[in-house]
């Protein structure tokens, strides 16, 4: 996947995750980073538990969004502590 496509998918996933986990948006650059890191987190966790979404752009967005939601949830827990 090209770097531009990865950044766009990361931005979409980060924005969606910020909407799902209320109060945790980090701006455009922050959302891209959260989306990309979320995709990496999901890429490590989901195959180990047998969860797959297939291929394609929509699957990549869903995958990255779920990973970003997990990441934002963990950030929220750490900030409370």
N, C-alpha and C. Protein backbone atom coordinates (compact mmCIF):
# COMPACT_ATOMS: atom_id res chain seq x y z
N UNK A 1 0.86 -1.17 0.00
CA UNK A 1 0.00 0.00 0.00
C UNK A 1 0.90 1.23 0.00
N UNK A 2 0.54 2.21 -0.79
CA UNK A 2 1.33 3.42 -0.89
C UNK A 2 1.27 4.25 0.38
N UNK A 3 2.27 5.09 0.54
CA UNK A 3 2.37 5.93 1.74
C UNK A 3 1.19 6.90 1.83
N UNK A 4 0.74 7.42 0.69
CA UNK A 4 -0.39 8.35 0.70
C UNK A 4 -1.66 7.64 1.14
N UNK A 5 -1.88 6.44 0.62
CA UNK A 5 -3.06 5.67 1.00
C UNK A 5 -3.01 5.32 2.49
N UNK A 6 -1.81 4.98 2.98
CA UNK A 6 -1.66 4.65 4.39
C UNK A 6 -1.99 5.87 5.27
N UNK A 7 -1.55 7.04 4.85
CA UNK A 7 -1.82 8.26 5.62
C UNK A 7 -3.31 8.60 5.61
N UNK A 8 -3.95 8.42 4.45
CA UNK A 8 -5.39 8.70 4.35
C UNK A 8 -6.19 7.73 5.21
N UNK A 9 -5.86 6.44 5.12
CA UNK A 9 -6.55 5.44 5.94
C UNK A 9 -6.29 5.69 7.42
N UNK A 10 -5.06 6.05 7.76
CA UNK A 10 -4.73 6.38 9.15
C UNK A 10 -5.52 7.58 9.66
N UNK A 11 -5.65 8.60 8.81
CA UNK A 11 -6.41 9.79 9.20
C UNK A 11 -7.88 9.46 9.41
N UNK A 12 -8.45 8.68 8.50
CA UNK A 12 -9.87 8.29 8.64
C UNK A 12 -10.06 7.45 9.89
N UNK A 13 -9.18 6.47 10.08
CA UNK A 13 -9.30 5.59 11.25
C UNK A 13 -9.12 6.37 12.55
N UNK A 14 -8.16 7.27 12.59
CA UNK A 14 -7.95 8.08 13.79
C UNK A 14 -9.13 8.98 14.09
N UNK A 15 -9.70 9.58 13.03
CA UNK A 15 -10.86 10.44 13.23
C UNK A 15 -12.05 9.63 13.74
N UNK A 16 -12.29 8.47 13.12
CA UNK A 16 -13.40 7.62 13.56
C UNK A 16 -13.20 7.17 15.01
N UNK A 17 -11.99 6.79 15.35
CA UNK A 17 -11.71 6.36 16.72
C UNK A 17 -11.92 7.52 17.70
N UNK A 18 -11.53 8.72 17.29
CA UNK A 18 -11.77 9.90 18.14
C UNK A 18 -13.25 10.17 18.36
N UNK A 19 -14.07 9.84 17.35
CA UNK A 19 -15.52 10.00 17.49
C UNK A 19 -16.11 8.92 18.39
N UNK A 20 -15.58 7.71 18.29
CA UNK A 20 -16.10 6.58 19.07
C UNK A 20 -15.71 6.73 20.53
N UNK A 21 -14.46 7.05 20.80
CA UNK A 21 -13.97 7.26 22.17
C UNK A 21 -14.08 8.75 22.42
N UNK A 22 -15.20 9.16 22.97
CA UNK A 22 -15.51 10.59 23.08
C UNK A 22 -14.44 11.36 23.85
N UNK A 23 -14.13 12.53 23.31
CA UNK A 23 -13.20 13.43 23.97
C UNK A 23 -11.74 13.16 23.68
N UNK A 24 -11.45 12.26 22.76
CA UNK A 24 -10.05 11.93 22.50
C UNK A 24 -9.69 12.08 21.03
N UNK A 25 -9.74 13.31 20.53
CA UNK A 25 -9.24 13.62 19.20
C UNK A 25 -7.92 14.36 19.39
N UNK A 26 -6.97 14.13 18.50
CA UNK A 26 -5.66 14.75 18.64
C UNK A 26 -5.31 15.65 17.47
N UNK A 27 -6.29 16.12 16.73
CA UNK A 27 -6.02 16.93 15.56
C UNK A 27 -5.64 16.05 14.38
N UNK A 28 -5.42 16.64 13.23
CA UNK A 28 -5.18 15.87 12.01
C UNK A 28 -3.94 15.00 12.12
N UNK A 29 -2.80 15.58 12.47
CA UNK A 29 -1.56 14.81 12.55
C UNK A 29 -1.66 13.75 13.65
N UNK A 30 -2.19 14.13 14.79
CA UNK A 30 -2.37 13.17 15.88
C UNK A 30 -3.29 12.03 15.51
N UNK A 31 -4.38 12.34 14.80
CA UNK A 31 -5.30 11.30 14.36
C UNK A 31 -4.64 10.35 13.36
N UNK A 32 -3.81 10.88 12.48
CA UNK A 32 -3.09 10.02 11.54
C UNK A 32 -2.17 9.08 12.31
N UNK A 33 -1.45 9.62 13.28
CA UNK A 33 -0.54 8.79 14.07
C UNK A 33 -1.32 7.74 14.85
N UNK A 34 -2.42 8.13 15.48
CA UNK A 34 -3.24 7.18 16.24
C UNK A 34 -3.80 6.11 15.31
N UNK A 35 -4.23 6.49 14.12
CA UNK A 35 -4.76 5.53 13.16
C UNK A 35 -3.71 4.53 12.70
N UNK A 36 -2.51 5.02 12.41
CA UNK A 36 -1.43 4.13 11.95
C UNK A 36 -0.97 3.23 13.09
N UNK A 37 -0.76 3.78 14.26
CA UNK A 37 -0.36 2.96 15.41
C UNK A 37 -1.47 1.98 15.76
N UNK A 38 -2.71 2.42 15.64
CA UNK A 38 -3.85 1.53 15.88
C UNK A 38 -3.88 0.38 14.90
N UNK A 39 -3.53 0.63 13.66
CA UNK A 39 -3.47 -0.44 12.66
C UNK A 39 -2.38 -1.44 13.01
N UNK A 40 -1.26 -0.95 13.50
CA UNK A 40 -0.18 -1.85 13.92
C UNK A 40 -0.62 -2.68 15.12
N UNK A 41 -1.26 -2.02 16.10
CA UNK A 41 -1.76 -2.74 17.28
C UNK A 41 -2.75 -3.82 16.85
N UNK A 42 -3.68 -3.46 15.99
CA UNK A 42 -4.66 -4.43 15.50
C UNK A 42 -4.00 -5.54 14.70
N UNK A 43 -2.96 -5.19 13.94
CA UNK A 43 -2.24 -6.18 13.17
C UNK A 43 -1.53 -7.20 14.03
N UNK A 44 -1.18 -6.83 15.24
CA UNK A 44 -0.54 -7.76 16.16
C UNK A 44 -1.58 -8.58 16.92
N UNK A 45 -2.64 -7.92 17.39
CA UNK A 45 -3.62 -8.57 18.26
C UNK A 45 -4.61 -9.44 17.48
N UNK A 46 -5.21 -8.91 16.43
CA UNK A 46 -6.32 -9.61 15.77
C UNK A 46 -5.95 -10.96 15.18
N UNK A 47 -4.83 -11.12 14.49
CA UNK A 47 -4.51 -12.45 13.97
C UNK A 47 -4.30 -13.50 15.08
N UNK A 48 -3.80 -13.06 16.22
CA UNK A 48 -3.57 -13.99 17.33
C UNK A 48 -4.87 -14.51 17.93
N UNK A 49 -5.95 -13.72 17.82
CA UNK A 49 -7.23 -14.18 18.35
C UNK A 49 -8.13 -14.71 17.24
N UNK A 50 -7.59 -14.81 16.03
CA UNK A 50 -8.32 -15.40 14.92
C UNK A 50 -9.34 -14.49 14.26
N UNK A 51 -9.14 -13.19 14.36
CA UNK A 51 -10.07 -12.24 13.79
C UNK A 51 -9.49 -11.67 12.50
N UNK A 52 -10.23 -11.78 11.40
CA UNK A 52 -9.76 -11.27 10.13
C UNK A 52 -10.88 -10.50 9.42
N UNK A 53 -10.51 -9.51 8.62
CA UNK A 53 -11.49 -8.67 7.95
C UNK A 53 -11.40 -8.77 6.44
N UNK A 54 -10.54 -9.62 5.92
CA UNK A 54 -10.38 -9.71 4.48
C UNK A 54 -9.45 -8.62 3.97
N UNK A 55 -9.56 -8.32 2.69
CA UNK A 55 -8.69 -7.32 2.09
C UNK A 55 -9.49 -6.13 1.59
N UNK A 56 -8.81 -5.15 1.10
CA UNK A 56 -9.45 -3.98 0.55
C UNK A 56 -9.35 -2.78 1.46
N UNK A 57 -9.76 -1.65 0.91
CA UNK A 57 -9.65 -0.39 1.63
C UNK A 57 -10.60 -0.32 2.81
N UNK A 58 -11.84 -0.75 2.63
CA UNK A 58 -12.79 -0.71 3.73
C UNK A 58 -12.35 -1.59 4.89
N UNK A 59 -11.84 -2.77 4.57
CA UNK A 59 -11.34 -3.67 5.62
C UNK A 59 -10.15 -3.03 6.35
N UNK A 60 -9.28 -2.34 5.61
CA UNK A 60 -8.14 -1.67 6.22
C UNK A 60 -8.60 -0.55 7.15
N UNK A 61 -9.62 0.18 6.76
CA UNK A 61 -10.15 1.26 7.61
C UNK A 61 -10.77 0.68 8.87
N UNK A 62 -11.55 -0.39 8.73
CA UNK A 62 -12.17 -1.02 9.90
C UNK A 62 -11.09 -1.57 10.83
N UNK A 63 -10.12 -2.23 10.26
CA UNK A 63 -9.01 -2.81 11.03
C UNK A 63 -8.27 -1.72 11.80
N UNK A 64 -7.89 -0.65 11.12
CA UNK A 64 -7.15 0.44 11.75
C UNK A 64 -8.01 1.17 12.78
N UNK A 65 -9.30 1.32 12.50
CA UNK A 65 -10.19 2.01 13.44
C UNK A 65 -10.33 1.23 14.74
N UNK A 66 -10.52 -0.07 14.63
CA UNK A 66 -10.63 -0.89 15.84
C UNK A 66 -9.34 -0.86 16.65
N UNK A 67 -8.22 -0.91 15.97
CA UNK A 67 -6.94 -0.80 16.67
C UNK A 67 -6.76 0.56 17.33
N UNK A 68 -7.18 1.61 16.64
CA UNK A 68 -7.07 2.96 17.20
C UNK A 68 -8.00 3.14 18.39
N UNK A 69 -9.19 2.53 18.34
CA UNK A 69 -10.11 2.60 19.48
C UNK A 69 -9.47 1.91 20.69
N UNK A 70 -8.86 0.76 20.47
CA UNK A 70 -8.16 0.07 21.56
C UNK A 70 -7.06 0.96 22.12
N UNK A 71 -6.29 1.57 21.23
CA UNK A 71 -5.20 2.46 21.65
C UNK A 71 -5.72 3.65 22.45
N UNK A 72 -6.77 4.30 21.97
CA UNK A 72 -7.34 5.45 22.68
C UNK A 72 -7.92 5.04 24.03
N UNK A 73 -8.53 3.87 24.08
CA UNK A 73 -9.06 3.37 25.34
C UNK A 73 -7.93 3.16 26.35
N UNK A 74 -6.81 2.60 25.90
CA UNK A 74 -5.66 2.42 26.78
C UNK A 74 -5.07 3.75 27.23
N UNK A 75 -5.02 4.72 26.32
CA UNK A 75 -4.54 6.06 26.69
C UNK A 75 -5.45 6.68 27.73
N UNK A 76 -6.75 6.50 27.57
CA UNK A 76 -7.73 7.04 28.51
C UNK A 76 -7.54 6.43 29.89
N UNK A 77 -7.29 5.12 29.95
CA UNK A 77 -7.06 4.44 31.23
C UNK A 77 -5.79 4.94 31.90
N UNK A 78 -4.71 5.08 31.11
CA UNK A 78 -3.44 5.52 31.66
C UNK A 78 -3.53 6.95 32.18
N UNK A 79 -4.25 7.82 31.47
CA UNK A 79 -4.38 9.21 31.91
C UNK A 79 -5.17 9.34 33.20
N UNK A 80 -6.09 8.40 33.44
CA UNK A 80 -6.86 8.43 34.69
C UNK A 80 -6.01 8.04 35.88
N UNK A 81 -5.04 7.17 35.67
CA UNK A 81 -4.21 6.65 36.76
C UNK A 81 -3.21 7.64 37.27
